[in-house]
Amino acid sequence: MQYWFGVMQISVTKTGSKITAVTPVQASYTRLRGWSIQNLVDAALSAQGSNFGNMSGATYTTEAFKSALDAALAKF
């Protein structure tokens, strides 16, 4: 998905109804911090979806990640 700061694309793996993996495929954010993506992956796995809070200092990245996650989950 294209966003103001760049592109966010993720891959989601599910086993049954459980999300077992979230993998960043492309994240071309100009202000992207590598640690924020891993924290977002961990939050998505813990929440089993996009129902988690924004990361401080990474609001746009969090919003883009959640949108990409929701789009990926909608394909299941």
N, C-alpha and C. Protein backbone atom coordinates (compact mmCIF):
# COMPACT_ATOMS: atom_id res chain seq x y z
N MET A 1 0.85 -1.18 0.00
CA MET A 1 0.00 0.00 0.00
C MET A 1 0.89 1.23 0.00
N GLN A 2 0.51 2.25 -0.77
CA GLN A 2 1.27 3.49 -0.89
C GLN A 2 0.78 4.49 0.16
N TYR A 3 1.72 5.08 0.88
CA TYR A 3 1.40 6.07 1.91
C TYR A 3 2.28 7.28 1.71
N TRP A 4 2.02 8.31 2.48
CA TRP A 4 2.72 9.58 2.35
C TRP A 4 4.22 9.41 2.47
N PHE A 5 4.68 8.58 3.38
CA PHE A 5 6.11 8.39 3.60
C PHE A 5 6.70 7.27 2.78
N GLY A 6 5.91 6.53 2.02
CA GLY A 6 6.47 5.44 1.23
C GLY A 6 5.51 4.28 1.09
N VAL A 7 6.06 3.10 0.95
CA VAL A 7 5.29 1.88 0.70
C VAL A 7 5.43 0.93 1.89
N MET A 8 4.31 0.30 2.26
CA MET A 8 4.33 -0.70 3.32
C MET A 8 3.64 -1.94 2.77
N GLN A 9 4.35 -3.04 2.72
CA GLN A 9 3.78 -4.30 2.26
C GLN A 9 4.21 -5.39 3.23
N ILE A 10 3.26 -6.20 3.68
CA ILE A 10 3.57 -7.28 4.60
C ILE A 10 2.92 -8.57 4.13
N SER A 11 3.46 -9.66 4.61
CA SER A 11 2.91 -10.98 4.35
C SER A 11 2.46 -11.56 5.69
N VAL A 12 1.29 -12.20 5.70
CA VAL A 12 0.75 -12.78 6.92
C VAL A 12 0.56 -14.27 6.71
N THR A 13 0.96 -15.05 7.70
CA THR A 13 0.75 -16.50 7.68
C THR A 13 -0.20 -16.84 8.82
N LYS A 14 -1.21 -17.63 8.52
CA LYS A 14 -2.16 -18.08 9.53
C LYS A 14 -2.19 -19.60 9.56
N THR A 15 -2.33 -20.13 10.75
CA THR A 15 -2.56 -21.55 10.96
C THR A 15 -3.91 -21.65 11.65
N GLY A 16 -4.89 -22.16 10.93
CA GLY A 16 -6.25 -22.12 11.45
C GLY A 16 -6.69 -20.67 11.54
N SER A 17 -7.13 -20.25 12.70
CA SER A 17 -7.54 -18.87 12.87
C SER A 17 -6.46 -18.01 13.54
N LYS A 18 -5.30 -18.61 13.80
CA LYS A 18 -4.23 -17.91 14.51
C LYS A 18 -3.18 -17.35 13.54
N ILE A 19 -2.82 -16.08 13.75
CA ILE A 19 -1.74 -15.47 12.99
C ILE A 19 -0.44 -16.02 13.57
N THR A 20 0.35 -16.67 12.72
CA THR A 20 1.59 -17.28 13.20
C THR A 20 2.83 -16.53 12.73
N ALA A 21 2.69 -15.69 11.71
CA ALA A 21 3.84 -14.91 11.24
C ALA A 21 3.36 -13.66 10.52
N VAL A 22 4.09 -12.59 10.73
CA VAL A 22 3.89 -11.34 10.00
C VAL A 22 5.28 -10.94 9.52
N THR A 23 5.43 -10.87 8.19
CA THR A 23 6.74 -10.61 7.61
C THR A 23 6.71 -9.35 6.76
N PRO A 24 7.55 -8.36 7.07
CA PRO A 24 7.64 -7.19 6.21
C PRO A 24 8.24 -7.59 4.86
N VAL A 25 7.56 -7.23 3.79
CA VAL A 25 8.04 -7.52 2.44
C VAL A 25 8.73 -6.28 1.89
N GLN A 26 8.08 -5.13 2.09
CA GLN A 26 8.63 -3.86 1.61
C GLN A 26 8.21 -2.77 2.57
N ALA A 27 9.17 -1.98 3.01
CA ALA A 27 8.89 -0.85 3.88
C ALA A 27 9.87 0.25 3.51
N SER A 28 9.45 1.14 2.63
CA SER A 28 10.35 2.16 2.10
C SER A 28 10.12 3.52 2.73
N TYR A 29 9.86 3.53 4.00
CA TYR A 29 9.60 4.78 4.69
C TYR A 29 10.88 5.58 4.84
N THR A 30 10.79 6.89 4.58
CA THR A 30 11.97 7.74 4.70
C THR A 30 12.37 7.92 6.16
N ARG A 31 11.46 7.80 7.08
CA ARG A 31 11.76 7.95 8.50
C ARG A 31 11.66 6.63 9.24
N LEU A 32 11.77 5.55 8.53
CA LEU A 32 11.60 4.23 9.12
C LEU A 32 12.75 3.88 10.04
N ARG A 33 12.42 3.34 11.19
CA ARG A 33 13.42 2.81 12.12
C ARG A 33 13.22 1.30 12.16
N GLY A 34 14.29 0.55 11.94
CA GLY A 34 14.21 -0.91 11.91
C GLY A 34 13.55 -1.50 13.14
N TRP A 35 13.84 -0.94 14.31
CA TRP A 35 13.27 -1.48 15.54
C TRP A 35 11.76 -1.35 15.57
N SER A 36 11.22 -0.33 14.95
CA SER A 36 9.77 -0.13 15.02
C SER A 36 9.02 -1.22 14.26
N ILE A 37 9.57 -1.69 13.15
CA ILE A 37 8.91 -2.75 12.40
C ILE A 37 8.84 -4.02 13.23
N GLN A 38 9.94 -4.41 13.87
CA GLN A 38 9.92 -5.62 14.69
C GLN A 38 8.95 -5.46 15.85
N ASN A 39 8.89 -4.28 16.46
CA ASN A 39 7.94 -4.04 17.54
C ASN A 39 6.50 -4.15 17.04
N LEU A 40 6.25 -3.67 15.83
CA LEU A 40 4.91 -3.76 15.25
C LEU A 40 4.55 -5.21 14.94
N VAL A 41 5.51 -5.97 14.43
CA VAL A 41 5.27 -7.40 14.18
C VAL A 41 4.92 -8.10 15.49
N ASP A 42 5.70 -7.83 16.53
CA ASP A 42 5.44 -8.45 17.84
C ASP A 42 4.06 -8.05 18.37
N ALA A 43 3.70 -6.78 18.22
CA ALA A 43 2.39 -6.31 18.69
C ALA A 43 1.26 -6.97 17.92
N ALA A 44 1.42 -7.13 16.60
CA ALA A 44 0.39 -7.77 15.78
C ALA A 44 0.21 -9.23 16.17
N LEU A 45 1.31 -9.92 16.41
CA LEU A 45 1.22 -11.32 16.82
C LEU A 45 0.56 -11.45 18.19
N SER A 46 0.92 -10.57 19.10
CA SER A 46 0.34 -10.60 20.44
C SER A 46 -1.15 -10.28 20.42
N ALA A 47 -1.53 -9.28 19.62
CA ALA A 47 -2.94 -8.86 19.52
C ALA A 47 -3.75 -9.74 18.58
N GLN A 48 -3.04 -10.56 17.78
CA GLN A 48 -3.68 -11.38 16.76
C GLN A 48 -4.49 -10.53 15.77
N GLY A 49 -3.91 -9.39 15.43
CA GLY A 49 -4.54 -8.47 14.49
C GLY A 49 -3.98 -7.08 14.66
N SER A 50 -4.73 -6.10 14.22
CA SER A 50 -4.27 -4.71 14.26
C SER A 50 -4.84 -3.92 15.44
N ASN A 51 -5.43 -4.60 16.40
CA ASN A 51 -6.03 -3.91 17.54
C ASN A 51 -4.98 -3.71 18.65
N PHE A 52 -4.02 -2.82 18.37
CA PHE A 52 -3.00 -2.46 19.35
C PHE A 52 -2.70 -0.97 19.19
N GLY A 53 -2.09 -0.38 20.19
CA GLY A 53 -1.83 1.05 20.20
C GLY A 53 -0.72 1.46 19.25
N ASN A 54 -0.69 2.77 18.96
CA ASN A 54 0.38 3.32 18.13
C ASN A 54 1.68 3.35 18.90
N MET A 55 2.78 3.21 18.17
CA MET A 55 4.10 3.33 18.77
C MET A 55 4.47 4.79 18.85
N SER A 56 4.95 5.22 19.99
CA SER A 56 5.38 6.59 20.17
C SER A 56 6.53 6.91 19.21
N GLY A 57 6.40 8.00 18.48
CA GLY A 57 7.43 8.39 17.53
C GLY A 57 7.35 7.69 16.19
N ALA A 58 6.38 6.80 16.02
CA ALA A 58 6.24 6.06 14.76
C ALA A 58 4.77 5.98 14.36
N THR A 59 4.06 7.08 14.53
CA THR A 59 2.62 7.09 14.27
C THR A 59 2.29 6.73 12.83
N TYR A 60 2.95 7.38 11.85
CA TYR A 60 2.65 7.10 10.45
C TYR A 60 3.02 5.67 10.08
N THR A 61 4.14 5.20 10.60
CA THR A 61 4.57 3.83 10.33
C THR A 61 3.57 2.84 10.92
N THR A 62 3.12 3.12 12.15
CA THR A 62 2.14 2.25 12.80
C THR A 62 0.85 2.21 12.00
N GLU A 63 0.36 3.37 11.58
CA GLU A 63 -0.89 3.43 10.81
C GLU A 63 -0.75 2.69 9.49
N ALA A 64 0.37 2.85 8.81
CA ALA A 64 0.60 2.16 7.55
C ALA A 64 0.68 0.65 7.77
N PHE A 65 1.37 0.25 8.83
CA PHE A 65 1.50 -1.17 9.15
C PHE A 65 0.13 -1.78 9.43
N LYS A 66 -0.68 -1.10 10.22
CA LYS A 66 -2.02 -1.61 10.55
C LYS A 66 -2.89 -1.73 9.29
N SER A 67 -2.81 -0.73 8.42
CA SER A 67 -3.59 -0.79 7.17
C SER A 67 -3.14 -1.94 6.29
N ALA A 68 -1.83 -2.13 6.18
CA ALA A 68 -1.31 -3.24 5.39
C ALA A 68 -1.69 -4.57 6.01
N LEU A 69 -1.65 -4.65 7.34
CA LEU A 69 -2.04 -5.88 8.04
C LEU A 69 -3.51 -6.18 7.81
N ASP A 70 -4.36 -5.19 7.95
CA ASP A 70 -5.80 -5.38 7.71
C ASP A 70 -6.07 -5.83 6.27
N ALA A 71 -5.35 -5.24 5.32
CA ALA A 71 -5.53 -5.61 3.91
C ALA A 71 -5.10 -7.06 3.69
N ALA A 72 -4.00 -7.46 4.31
CA ALA A 72 -3.53 -8.84 4.17
C ALA A 72 -4.51 -9.80 4.82
N LEU A 73 -5.02 -9.46 6.00
CA LEU A 73 -5.95 -10.34 6.70
C LEU A 73 -7.29 -10.47 5.97
N ALA A 74 -7.67 -9.43 5.24
CA ALA A 74 -8.94 -9.46 4.49
C ALA A 74 -8.90 -10.49 3.36
N LYS A 75 -7.72 -10.92 2.97
CA LYS A 75 -7.59 -11.91 1.89
C LYS A 75 -7.81 -13.35 2.37
N PHE A 76 -7.90 -13.55 3.69
CA PHE A 76 -8.12 -14.89 4.21
C PHE A 76 -9.59 -15.22 4.24
